[in-house]
Amino acid sequence: MPSRGRCVLALGAVILTASCRLGSAPSVAAPSAPLDPAPVASAATRDDPPAAPSSSPPSPALLEHGIPAMSYRARPARTASGAPQIPYEALRLGLYDPRARRFVPLTDPVPSALGGLLDPERARAFVLAGDLVMGEIWLVQARRLDVALFDLTRAVDAKGHAVLHADDVDVRDPKTNRNRVAVEASLERDDAVRVTLHQLGYDPKGTLVLRITSEGVTTTADPLATDSASVIVSASGVFVERPPPAGLVLERDRLIVRDPDQPERTFALPRGHDEGHHQVVRTDDGRFIMVFTQQAGCREVAFARYVLDRIDVREGTVTRLSAAPVHAGVELGPDGSVYLDDGERVLRFPPTSAKPIDDVLEGVRFVMPDFDRDCSI
């Protein structure tokens, strides 16, 4: 393995990491058999090791219709000594094929993973890896931050790879040595990841923005594109934010739809979207819009909540699909189905129904487990 401060760029998976701590893959629980006899490819038992990413790139059809998903191995939120730890490991990103009802892993397992994003449209995925430590508060330590960038259009070649040089995140700027309370990352373009390091209070003066490419790590003052999806890791947990796409405006508890050659329409949403991390996603045909908001943190005691609504633009209806005081994650399928992962199980809401169906393979996840927050500190 290269020494810390070097980078491995695997031309098959395009793995760009600031310190190259991507080691051997721990086992991951494989999906179990489906609930009905629908065809499922590569079904495995729980004792089987996870399937390696395919030796050929995913088909254009899978990239078009597949739904970003993940698998991981859960572990206790506290160590044997009682210290908090990331409650998952061996994170793998991939696509859930709703037609064949199977999960296709597209990245290798990443040790010490904090979170990640997969963008089928760009055929790219990245994973943040590092450590959270407990001081007076949970902190994201920039000196323990790696970025793995995957190119999903290339076949994986486990034997052939090129070694490039890259700086550790904390080498160029002394500010990265400061304790951080949150890290945010997004794809800036096809082969660049933007990482924003926040200090306590999210003071802009203490914010450091980095661009990580195969050429190394540089600082930048350019603002993040407002339409970029991002993953946020903080003491409150791991959150995905997807700003409204073009033509959609979320204003507290209402969504404004501005379609070309159509009158502007406003949909009143049930309460709960005024604060928090938002995900607004629209199907390619424009008919369905998913609006999801979640919050987590400390209010004397630890709390979490989410609200989930779906808009049928053609019918002019808004449906509250779910709301609960838990950490959750969601994805929108190409047909308008909404996949809700509440940390215990995954439910699918069919496109014209508010009644969920439990038909997603066990082991396919759409959210990482919640942190064990200590609000007494």
Protein backbone atom coordinates (compact mmCIF):
# COMPACT_ATOMS: atom_id res chain seq x y z
CA MET A 1 0.00 0.00 0.00
CA PRO A 2 1.21 3.52 -0.65
CA SER A 3 2.19 5.56 2.33
CA ARG A 4 -0.13 8.21 3.79
CA GLY A 5 -0.06 11.29 1.61
CA ARG A 6 -0.26 9.30 -1.61
CA CYS A 7 -3.28 8.33 -3.65
CA VAL A 8 -4.33 5.21 -5.52
CA LEU A 9 -6.25 5.89 -8.69
CA ALA A 10 -7.71 2.56 -9.76
CA LEU A 11 -8.57 3.04 -13.39
CA GLY A 12 -11.34 0.48 -13.08
CA ALA A 13 -13.11 2.06 -10.13
CA VAL A 14 -11.34 5.45 -10.13
CA ILE A 15 -10.67 5.45 -6.41
CA LEU A 16 -9.25 8.80 -5.34
CA THR A 17 -8.31 8.89 -1.70
CA ALA A 18 -6.29 11.42 0.22
CA SER A 19 -4.61 8.85 2.42
CA CYS A 20 -5.42 5.51 0.79
CA ARG A 21 -6.77 3.70 3.82
CA LEU A 22 -9.03 1.57 1.63
CA GLY A 23 -8.15 -1.89 2.87
CA SER A 24 -9.55 -5.37 2.57
CA ALA A 25 -13.29 -5.66 2.55
CA PRO A 26 -15.11 -6.85 5.66
CA SER A 27 -18.13 -9.02 4.98
CA VAL A 28 -21.52 -7.39 4.49
CA ALA A 29 -24.86 -9.06 5.14
CA ALA A 30 -26.28 -9.99 1.75
CA PRO A 31 -29.94 -9.45 0.82
CA SER A 32 -32.29 -12.29 1.64
CA ALA A 33 -34.82 -13.84 -0.69
CA PRO A 34 -37.70 -11.64 -1.92
CA LEU A 35 -41.15 -11.72 -0.40
CA ASP A 36 -42.69 -13.02 -3.62
CA PRO A 37 -41.36 -15.03 -6.57
CA ALA A 38 -40.34 -11.99 -8.63
CA PRO A 39 -36.98 -12.63 -10.33
CA VAL A 40 -33.95 -11.68 -8.26
CA ALA A 41 -30.42 -11.94 -9.59
CA SER A 42 -27.56 -13.12 -7.42
CA ALA A 43 -29.60 -13.70 -4.27
CA ALA A 44 -27.29 -14.88 -1.49
CA THR A 45 -27.46 -16.08 2.07
CA ARG A 46 -26.44 -13.90 4.98
CA ASP A 47 -23.23 -15.89 5.45
CA ASP A 48 -22.04 -15.28 1.91
CA PRO A 49 -19.48 -12.50 1.31
CA PRO A 50 -20.75 -9.50 -0.62
CA ALA A 51 -20.61 -9.75 -4.35
CA ALA A 52 -17.76 -7.78 -5.91
CA PRO A 53 -18.66 -4.92 -8.21
CA SER A 54 -19.30 -6.21 -11.70
CA SER A 55 -16.27 -6.55 -13.96
CA SER A 56 -18.19 -4.59 -16.58
CA PRO A 57 -19.76 -1.15 -16.16
CA PRO A 58 -23.48 -0.94 -15.39
CA SER A 59 -25.76 -0.88 -18.41
CA PRO A 60 -27.22 2.45 -19.55
CA ALA A 61 -30.66 1.07 -18.62
CA LEU A 62 -29.56 0.44 -15.03
CA LEU A 63 -28.04 3.92 -14.75
CA GLU A 64 -31.28 5.36 -16.09
CA HIS A 65 -33.75 3.34 -14.02
CA GLY A 66 -31.66 2.22 -11.05
CA ILE A 67 -32.26 3.88 -7.68
CA PRO A 68 -29.25 4.95 -5.57
CA ALA A 69 -28.98 2.60 -2.59
CA MET A 70 -26.36 1.17 -0.26
CA SER A 71 -25.36 -1.75 1.89
CA TYR A 72 -23.28 -1.74 5.05
CA ARG A 73 -22.55 -3.75 8.15
CA ALA A 74 -24.20 -2.33 11.24
CA ARG A 75 -22.33 -2.28 14.53
CA PRO A 76 -23.07 -0.96 18.05
CA ALA A 77 -23.27 2.82 18.43
CA ARG A 78 -20.98 2.55 21.47
CA THR A 79 -17.72 0.71 21.94
CA ALA A 80 -17.17 -1.76 24.78
CA SER A 81 -15.81 1.12 26.87
CA GLY A 82 -18.90 3.24 26.18
CA ALA A 83 -17.32 5.65 23.70
CA PRO A 84 -19.51 6.65 20.72
CA GLN A 85 -18.55 5.32 17.32
CA ILE A 86 -19.89 5.34 13.78
CA PRO A 87 -22.62 2.66 13.91
CA TYR A 88 -21.79 1.13 10.53
CA GLU A 89 -18.83 0.01 8.46
CA ALA A 90 -17.97 -1.43 5.05
CA LEU A 91 -20.24 1.02 3.24
CA ARG A 92 -20.93 0.16 -0.38
CA LEU A 93 -22.86 2.30 -2.83
CA GLY A 94 -24.82 0.89 -5.72
CA LEU A 95 -28.11 0.89 -7.57
CA TYR A 96 -31.32 -0.88 -6.67
CA ASP A 97 -32.95 -2.31 -9.80
CA PRO A 98 -36.71 -2.06 -9.13
CA ARG A 99 -37.53 -4.23 -12.13
CA ALA A 100 -35.41 -7.23 -11.12
CA ARG A 101 -35.62 -6.30 -7.41
CA ARG A 102 -31.91 -6.67 -6.82
CA PHE A 103 -29.10 -4.50 -5.49
CA VAL A 104 -26.11 -4.00 -7.78
CA PRO A 105 -23.04 -2.83 -5.80
CA LEU A 106 -20.93 -0.40 -7.80
CA THR A 107 -18.20 0.47 -5.29
CA ASP A 108 -15.84 -1.48 -3.12
CA PRO A 109 -16.49 -1.44 0.64
CA VAL A 110 -14.85 1.63 2.19
CA PRO A 111 -13.47 1.25 5.72
CA SER A 112 -14.17 4.09 8.18
CA ALA A 113 -16.83 5.45 5.82
CA LEU A 114 -18.81 8.45 7.04
CA GLY A 115 -21.22 8.82 4.15
CA GLY A 116 -21.44 9.09 0.39
CA LEU A 117 -23.48 9.91 -2.69
CA LEU A 118 -24.12 8.18 -6.00
CA ASP A 119 -25.15 10.21 -9.04
CA PRO A 120 -26.45 7.93 -11.82
CA GLU A 121 -26.77 10.83 -14.28
CA ARG A 122 -23.05 11.62 -14.02
CA ALA A 123 -22.13 7.95 -13.44
CA ARG A 124 -20.04 8.97 -10.46
CA ALA A 125 -20.05 8.14 -6.76
CA PHE A 126 -17.97 9.28 -3.82
CA VAL A 127 -17.53 8.20 -0.23
CA LEU A 128 -16.19 10.25 2.67
CA ALA A 129 -14.13 8.31 5.19
CA GLY A 130 -12.63 9.42 8.47
CA ASP A 131 -13.28 9.55 12.18
CA LEU A 132 -15.60 11.29 14.58
CA VAL A 133 -14.25 11.80 18.07
CA MET A 134 -15.93 12.81 21.29
CA GLY A 135 -14.60 15.85 23.08
CA GLU A 136 -16.94 18.37 24.61
CA ILE A 137 -19.00 17.75 21.47
CA TRP A 138 -18.82 15.42 18.51
CA LEU A 139 -16.19 16.65 16.09
CA VAL A 140 -15.32 15.85 12.51
CA GLN A 141 -11.54 15.78 12.36
CA ALA A 142 -10.32 16.99 8.99
CA ARG A 143 -6.95 15.30 9.46
CA ARG A 144 -8.75 11.97 9.33
CA LEU A 145 -10.72 12.71 6.19
CA ASP A 146 -10.41 10.71 2.96
CA VAL A 147 -12.38 10.96 -0.26
CA ALA A 148 -12.99 7.97 -2.56
CA LEU A 149 -14.24 8.91 -6.02
CA PHE A 150 -15.64 6.17 -8.27
CA ASP A 151 -16.18 6.27 -12.03
CA LEU A 152 -19.12 3.99 -12.73
CA THR A 153 -18.57 3.90 -16.50
CA ARG A 154 -15.35 1.92 -16.33
CA ALA A 155 -14.92 -1.77 -15.79
CA VAL A 156 -13.29 -2.72 -12.52
CA ASP A 157 -9.77 -4.07 -12.94
CA ALA A 158 -8.60 -5.29 -9.54
CA LYS A 159 -5.06 -5.98 -10.77
CA GLY A 160 -4.24 -2.95 -12.86
CA HIS A 161 -4.04 0.46 -11.27
CA ALA A 162 -1.95 3.59 -11.51
CA VAL A 163 -0.50 5.34 -8.46
CA LEU A 164 -0.80 9.12 -8.41
CA HIS A 165 0.21 11.67 -5.81
CA ALA A 166 -2.29 13.59 -3.71
CA ASP A 167 -1.93 15.65 -0.57
CA ASP A 168 -3.66 14.83 2.67
CA VAL A 169 -6.49 17.19 3.44
CA ASP A 170 -4.57 18.77 6.33
CA VAL A 171 -1.26 19.41 4.57
CA ARG A 172 -1.68 22.68 2.69
CA ASP A 173 -3.63 24.87 5.07
CA PRO A 174 -3.12 25.10 8.86
CA LYS A 175 -6.82 25.88 9.24
CA THR A 176 -7.64 22.26 8.59
CA ASN A 177 -6.04 21.39 11.91
CA ARG A 178 -8.88 23.12 13.72
CA ASN A 179 -11.57 20.98 15.24
CA ARG A 180 -14.58 20.83 12.97
CA VAL A 181 -18.21 20.12 13.77
CA ALA A 182 -19.48 19.27 10.29
CA VAL A 183 -18.23 18.27 6.87
CA GLU A 184 -20.23 18.65 3.65
CA ALA A 185 -19.30 17.15 0.29
CA SER A 186 -20.69 17.14 -3.23
CA LEU A 187 -19.69 16.42 -6.81
CA GLU A 188 -18.43 19.65 -8.32
CA ARG A 189 -18.02 18.15 -11.75
CA ASP A 190 -17.39 14.68 -13.12
CA ASP A 191 -13.98 14.21 -11.54
CA ALA A 192 -13.90 16.68 -8.67
CA VAL A 193 -15.35 16.53 -5.17
CA ARG A 194 -15.93 19.67 -3.15
CA VAL A 195 -15.55 19.35 0.61
CA THR A 196 -16.62 22.09 3.01
CA LEU A 197 -15.34 21.99 6.59
CA HIS A 198 -17.47 23.88 9.10
CA GLN A 199 -16.47 25.14 12.53
CA LEU A 200 -18.66 25.52 15.58
CA GLY A 201 -21.58 27.83 14.86
CA TYR A 202 -21.04 27.44 11.10
CA ASP A 203 -19.16 30.77 11.14
CA PRO A 204 -18.35 31.57 7.48
CA LYS A 205 -14.99 32.96 8.57
CA GLY A 206 -14.06 29.55 9.91
CA THR A 207 -15.25 27.62 6.88
CA LEU A 208 -12.72 25.96 4.61
CA VAL A 209 -13.68 24.75 1.12
CA LEU A 210 -11.51 22.19 -0.64
CA ARG A 211 -11.48 20.78 -4.17
CA ILE A 212 -10.19 17.24 -4.43
CA THR A 213 -9.16 15.88 -7.82
CA SER A 214 -6.60 13.44 -9.18
CA GLU A 215 -4.17 16.38 -9.13
CA GLY A 216 -4.46 16.79 -5.37
CA VAL A 217 -6.22 18.98 -2.82
CA THR A 218 -6.61 22.73 -3.26
CA THR A 219 -8.59 25.42 -1.46
CA THR A 220 -11.25 27.41 -3.27
CA ALA A 221 -13.52 30.36 -2.58
CA ASP A 222 -16.02 29.51 -5.32
CA PRO A 223 -19.56 29.05 -4.02
CA LEU A 224 -21.17 25.65 -4.26
CA ALA A 225 -23.67 25.28 -7.09
CA THR A 226 -27.15 25.69 -5.68
CA ASP A 227 -28.43 22.63 -7.55
CA SER A 228 -25.77 20.24 -6.25
CA ALA A 229 -26.78 17.34 -4.04
CA SER A 230 -24.57 17.00 -0.99
CA VAL A 231 -23.97 14.72 1.96
CA ILE A 232 -23.56 16.34 5.39
CA VAL A 233 -21.90 14.64 8.36
CA SER A 234 -22.21 16.28 11.76
CA ALA A 235 -22.82 15.42 15.39
CA SER A 236 -26.50 15.10 14.50
CA GLY A 237 -25.95 12.32 11.96
CA VAL A 238 -25.57 11.87 8.22
CA PHE A 239 -27.96 13.76 5.94
CA VAL A 240 -28.44 14.04 2.21
CA GLU A 241 -29.65 17.33 0.76
CA ARG A 242 -31.07 17.62 -2.74
CA PRO A 243 -32.10 21.18 -3.59
CA PRO A 244 -35.20 21.56 -5.76
CA PRO A 245 -34.46 21.06 -9.44
CA ALA A 246 -34.98 23.83 -11.95
CA GLY A 247 -38.54 25.09 -11.97
CA LEU A 248 -39.32 24.06 -8.39
CA VAL A 249 -39.16 26.39 -5.38
CA LEU A 250 -39.65 25.20 -1.80
CA GLU A 251 -40.86 27.97 0.50
CA ARG A 252 -41.46 26.66 4.00
CA ASP A 253 -44.68 24.65 3.67
CA ARG A 254 -45.44 25.22 0.02
CA LEU A 255 -43.90 24.15 -3.28
CA ILE A 256 -44.05 26.37 -6.37
CA VAL A 257 -43.94 24.62 -9.76
CA ARG A 258 -42.86 26.67 -12.75
CA ASP A 259 -43.01 24.60 -15.90
CA PRO A 260 -42.32 26.03 -19.36
CA ASP A 261 -45.51 26.89 -21.24
CA GLN A 262 -47.61 26.13 -18.16
CA PRO A 263 -49.18 28.48 -15.63
CA GLU A 264 -47.35 28.66 -12.32
CA ARG A 265 -48.82 26.35 -9.71
CA THR A 266 -48.47 26.37 -5.93
CA PHE A 267 -49.00 23.28 -3.79
CA ALA A 268 -49.64 23.71 -0.06
CA LEU A 269 -47.69 21.12 1.92
CA PRO A 270 -48.62 19.69 5.31
CA ARG A 271 -46.61 21.18 8.15
CA GLY A 272 -43.05 20.17 8.84
CA HIS A 273 -40.92 21.43 5.96
CA ASP A 274 -40.00 24.84 7.36
CA GLU A 275 -36.67 23.73 8.90
CA GLY A 276 -34.22 20.90 8.39
CA HIS A 277 -32.44 19.03 5.63
CA HIS A 278 -34.51 18.88 2.46
CA GLN A 279 -34.73 16.55 -0.49
CA VAL A 280 -36.88 17.60 -3.43
CA VAL A 281 -36.85 15.19 -6.37
CA ARG A 282 -39.00 14.99 -9.50
CA THR A 283 -39.58 12.07 -11.84
CA ASP A 284 -38.28 12.44 -15.37
CA ASP A 285 -41.79 12.68 -16.79
CA GLY A 286 -42.52 15.56 -14.41
CA ARG A 287 -45.62 14.03 -12.88
CA PHE A 288 -44.47 13.18 -9.34
CA ILE A 289 -42.47 15.29 -6.89
CA MET A 290 -41.14 13.95 -3.60
CA VAL A 291 -40.58 16.42 -0.75
CA PHE A 292 -38.72 15.07 2.27
CA THR A 293 -37.45 16.97 5.31
CA GLN A 294 -35.64 15.67 8.35
CA GLN A 295 -34.16 17.15 11.50
CA ALA A 296 -32.01 15.76 14.28
CA GLY A 297 -30.01 17.18 17.17
CA CYS A 298 -30.35 18.04 20.84
CA ARG A 299 -33.22 19.79 22.58
CA GLU A 300 -32.28 18.88 26.14
CA VAL A 301 -32.55 15.31 24.88
CA ALA A 302 -31.67 13.82 21.51
CA PHE A 303 -34.39 14.07 18.89
CA ALA A 304 -35.02 13.17 15.27
CA ARG A 305 -38.01 13.59 12.99
CA TYR A 306 -38.97 13.46 9.34
CA VAL A 307 -41.91 14.31 7.12
CA LEU A 308 -42.51 12.88 3.66
CA ASP A 309 -44.96 14.13 1.04
CA ARG A 310 -45.59 13.30 -2.60
CA ILE A 311 -47.16 15.64 -5.13
CA ASP A 312 -49.04 14.34 -8.16
CA VAL A 313 -48.74 17.33 -10.50
CA ARG A 314 -51.12 15.88 -13.07
CA GLU A 315 -53.86 15.23 -10.53
CA GLY A 316 -53.07 18.33 -8.46
CA THR A 317 -52.88 16.38 -5.19
CA VAL A 318 -50.53 16.39 -2.22
CA THR A 319 -50.28 13.23 -0.11
CA ARG A 320 -48.57 12.94 3.27
CA LEU A 321 -46.98 9.52 2.98
CA SER A 322 -45.32 9.36 6.38
CA ALA A 323 -44.04 11.30 9.38
CA ALA A 324 -42.31 9.98 12.48
CA PRO A 325 -39.82 10.96 15.21
CA VAL A 326 -36.94 8.88 13.80
CA HIS A 327 -33.94 9.26 11.49
CA ALA A 328 -34.84 8.15 7.96
CA GLY A 329 -33.83 8.23 4.32
CA VAL A 330 -35.76 8.21 1.05
CA GLU A 331 -35.38 7.76 -2.68
CA LEU A 332 -37.77 8.37 -5.56
CA GLY A 333 -38.15 5.68 -8.20
CA PRO A 334 -38.57 6.48 -11.91
CA ASP A 335 -42.21 5.37 -11.81
CA GLY A 336 -43.08 7.63 -8.87
CA SER A 337 -42.67 4.99 -6.17
CA VAL A 338 -41.18 6.38 -2.96
CA TYR A 339 -38.78 4.21 -0.97
CA LEU A 340 -38.69 5.03 2.75
CA ASP A 341 -36.00 3.62 5.04
CA ASP A 342 -36.86 4.38 8.67
CA GLY A 343 -33.77 2.68 10.04
CA GLU A 344 -35.62 -0.56 10.75
CA ARG A 345 -37.03 -1.54 7.35
CA VAL A 346 -37.64 -0.23 3.86
CA LEU A 347 -41.17 0.41 2.64
CA ARG A 348 -42.25 1.30 -0.89
CA PHE A 349 -45.18 3.60 -1.60
CA PRO A 350 -46.51 2.81 -5.10
CA PRO A 351 -46.94 5.83 -7.38
CA THR A 352 -50.68 6.31 -6.88
CA SER A 353 -51.08 4.91 -3.36
CA ALA A 354 -50.35 6.03 0.19
CA LYS A 355 -50.38 2.43 1.43
CA PRO A 356 -46.81 1.10 1.76
CA ILE A 357 -45.67 -2.27 0.46
CA ASP A 358 -42.89 -4.28 2.09
CA ASP A 359 -41.33 -5.70 -1.09
CA VAL A 360 -37.71 -4.49 -1.03
CA LEU A 361 -34.98 -7.03 -0.37
CA GLU A 362 -33.66 -7.11 3.17
CA GLY A 363 -30.15 -5.64 3.32
CA VAL A 364 -30.80 -2.94 0.69
CA ARG A 365 -30.72 0.38 2.51
CA PHE A 366 -31.42 4.03 1.71
CA VAL A 367 -30.08 5.59 4.93
CA MET A 368 -27.25 4.96 7.37
CA PRO A 369 -28.02 4.25 11.04
CA ASP A 370 -28.55 7.18 13.36
CA PHE A 371 -25.79 8.28 15.74
CA ASP A 372 -26.06 7.82 19.49
CA ARG A 373 -26.10 11.49 20.47
CA ASP A 374 -25.21 12.44 24.03
CA CYS A 375 -27.14 15.65 24.74
CA SER A 376 -26.05 15.85 28.38
CA ILE A 377 -22.69 17.37 27.45
